[in-house]
C-alpha atoms as a PDB file:
ATOM      1  CA  MET A   1      -0.036  -0.103  -0.007  1.00  0.00           C
ATOM      2  CA  GLN A   2       1.414   3.312  -0.935  1.00  0.00           C
ATOM      3  CA  THR A   3      -0.260   6.575   0.440  1.00  0.00           C
ATOM      4  CA  ILE A   4       0.119   9.882  -1.316  1.00  0.00           C
ATOM      5  CA  LEU A   5      -0.382  13.155   0.597  1.00  0.00           C
ATOM      6  CA  GLY A   6      -1.918  16.181  -1.159  1.00  0.00           C
ATOM      7  CA  SER A   7      -2.749  13.887  -4.056  1.00  0.00           C
ATOM      8  CA  GLY A   8      -5.068  16.648  -5.773  1.00  0.00           C
ATOM      9  CA  GLY A   9      -1.829  18.356  -7.136  1.00  0.00           C
ATOM     10  CA  ALA A  10       0.114  18.004 -10.182  1.00  0.00           C
ATOM     11  CA  ILE A  11       3.058  16.001  -8.571  1.00  0.00           C
ATOM     12  CA  GLY A  12       0.425  13.753  -6.590  1.00  0.00           C
ATOM     13  CA  ILE A  13      -1.590  12.919  -9.734  1.00  0.00           C
ATOM     14  CA  SER A  14       1.678  12.166 -11.876  1.00  0.00           C
ATOM     15  CA  LEU A  15       3.032   9.982  -8.937  1.00  0.00           C
ATOM     16  CA  ALA A  16      -0.429   8.025  -8.690  1.00  0.00           C
ATOM     17  CA  LYS A  17      -0.402   7.290 -12.456  1.00  0.00           C
ATOM     18  CA  GLU A  18       3.398   6.147 -12.313  1.00  0.00           C
ATOM     19  CA  LEU A  19       2.933   4.024  -9.129  1.00  0.00           C
ATOM     20  CA  MET A  20       0.338   2.015 -11.047  1.00  0.00           C
ATOM     21  CA  ASN A  21       3.457   0.467 -12.780  1.00  0.00           C
ATOM     22  CA  TYR A  22       4.469  -1.135  -9.537  1.00  0.00           C
ATOM     23  CA  THR A  23       1.260  -1.702  -7.527  1.00  0.00           C
ATOM     24  CA  ASN A  24      -2.379  -1.283  -7.474  1.00  0.00           C
ATOM     25  CA  GLN A  25      -2.825  -0.598  -3.840  1.00  0.00           C
ATOM     26  CA  ILE A  26      -2.657   3.225  -3.782  1.00  0.00           C
ATOM     27  CA  ARG A  27      -4.285   5.455  -1.232  1.00  0.00           C
ATOM     28  CA  LEU A  28      -5.120   9.128  -2.243  1.00  0.00           C
ATOM     29  CA  VAL A  29      -5.235  11.663   0.713  1.00  0.00           C
ATOM     30  CA  SER A  30      -6.472  15.131   0.283  1.00  0.00           C
ATOM     31  CA  ARG A  31      -9.189  17.644   1.080  1.00  0.00           C
ATOM     32  CA  ASN A  32     -11.224  16.573  -1.980  1.00  0.00           C
ATOM     33  CA  PRO A  33      -9.764  13.487  -3.267  1.00  0.00           C
ATOM     34  CA  LYS A  34     -10.634  12.202  -6.759  1.00  0.00           C
ATOM     35  CA  LYS A  35      -9.565   8.804  -8.404  1.00  0.00           C
ATOM     36  CA  VAL A  36      -6.809   8.928 -10.682  1.00  0.00           C
ATOM     37  CA  ASN A  37      -6.670   5.038 -11.278  1.00  0.00           C
ATOM     38  CA  GLU A  38      -9.665   2.664 -11.039  1.00  0.00           C
ATOM     39  CA  THR A  39      -8.202   1.011  -8.085  1.00  0.00           C
ATOM     40  CA  ASP A  40      -7.397   3.976  -5.829  1.00  0.00           C
ATOM     41  CA  GLU A  41      -8.636   4.167  -2.222  1.00  0.00           C
ATOM     42  CA  LEU A  42      -9.862   7.796  -1.388  1.00  0.00           C
ATOM     43  CA  CYS A  43      -9.270   9.355   2.088  1.00  0.00           C
ATOM     44  CA  ARG A  44     -10.658  12.834   2.770  1.00  0.00           C
ATOM     45  CA  LEU A  45      -8.946  15.196   5.255  1.00  0.00           C
ATOM     46  CA  ILE A  46     -11.511  17.075   7.376  1.00  0.00           C
END
């Protein structure tokens, strides 16, 4: 499982796309998370 903090930014989106070459277990954390890949897990900061 890889977790990307601040996943809504340009670097976070690019990183999520690239990580799919290594794993399909990716967690995206941000205020308004949106899936980049179909298997992404979303976690909203409040």
